[in-house]
Amino acid sequence: MTRFLALVVGTVGVLLSLLVSAPAAHADAVDDAVAALRTGSVYVDPGATEPGIDEAAVTAAIASRQVKIAVLPADDYGSTSQTFDAAERIGRALAPNSPLTVGVVAGRSFNAASSALCAGAASTAAEASVNATRTVLQRDNDVTATLRDFAARLDDAPPASGQACRQSSAGGTNDISADSDGGSPLPWVLGIGAIGLLGVGGAGAYARSRRRRTLKELEGRRAEVLSYYDRLGADVQNLHGGDNAVARQALADASERYTATGSQLSQADTHEEFDVARRTVLEGLQAARTARTALGLDPGPELPPISPVHGEQLSAPSEISVGGRSYQGYPQYTPGAPHYYGGGGGVPGGWYSFPFWQTVLLGSVLSGGLGGGFGGGGWDAGYDRGYDAGRDDAQDGDGGFGGGFGGGGGDWGGGGTGGWSGGGDWVGGGGGFGGGGGDWG
């Protein structure tokens, strides 16, 4: 025992000396984030050039949740381990003794840490959100939908004060006690088995709760798109261009977008698919508004933004070249150009006659052919689209809901009950780099 304690003390001493002597690399970006997040929910570092983010939309999605989001420079934090480390450090500074979840995005990496949830739960939720919105990430190079999905997932994540966390921590410490006492292992085997059964039951309940919540959210998304779809359908059916060439072409665009929306709605069952349908129907409504104006009619209510804009935007009609082909683009909707692109990948945002970003641009991105913007390889398409509702976070939870040494709390601070003794991904020995996160670079 004396030798063991000496070894532990020596190891801790070495680690502390390394921590003290390590240079404070990247401290400025984290410090700036901490300062900004004391009064806000979302912070974007001035040096973070990608991905795109609609700060207002993410702030609205966070609402009253104890969640903070930081977008940091990819050069300094562009991996899941680095984003997790940054999230934990921001959380320590903002809420050393209270519940908080912090998500950090840098380039094509997203990870999260939390003192409000079981160790690794926030990181696993970040990974699931990246997988669930991967098509949107590939197409738009924008993380808004991912963060909106992440905020919603946290509502169903296991809390640090919950029974599942305490059971996980108890199981981790009792194994050592059984060996040192030299008694019969049977009670411990039975105890571990009981905890396992409870864990399976809890995981099943958690998965069912997530499915119910997801279905409710998707019903809301469908209702939103249907309201726009019905409005577009009324214009397509009731308006006639006559001899007005502008109105005729605009109505043709609106009709095509109406048909496309109907097809997309018939198959939509994920947030990303409803994002696509919403985008399409708003393109159609913009064409319908142009037709109404050309016919001397009231254009109708203003439309919300089709998607967040980022990067260069067209300021005048221009011909752009992508993948060896030329495409005509316009800064505003123009009849014959019904497809909107928010910008990115070195291509300016605007309205185009052909959605090249769904074919030529994505192919160039995935082969590393564009450079800049989306970067080397873009958003990795190697993961399945969406997420499997039957897969719960506890299933791969040796790293996901790792225990720790002090009560099975969150990623820092023992679940918000004080100190730094709680089970964390880095502090309490539980789970590598947080047990999840999304890295698509």
Foldseek 3Di string as FASTA:
>chain_A
DVVVVVVVVVVVVVVVVCVVPPDCPPVVQLVVLLVVVLPAQEEEDPQQQFDAADVVLLRVLLPPPQEHEYETECVRQVELLSQLVSQVVSCCSNFQQAWHKYWYHYQQWIAIFIQFAFFLQLRALQQQLCQQQVVVCLLARYCHSSSSSSSLLVVLGHTQQDPLLLLQQVLVPVVVVCVVVVDDCVVNVVSVVVSVVVNVVVLQVSLVVVVVSLQVVVVVLLVVLVVLLVVLVVLLVPDDQPPPPQLNLLSVLLVVLSVVLVVLSVPDDGPNSSLVSLLSSVLSLLSSLRNCVSVVHHSDDDDDDSDAAHDAADPAWDWDDFQNDIWIFGRADGRQFSHWHRDFLPDHTGTTNDSCSVPRVSVCLQCQNRDPGLHRRRFAPPRHHRDDSVDGQCVQCQQNNPHFQARSGIQANSSSNGDGRGCHNPHRVHHPSSPHIGNRD
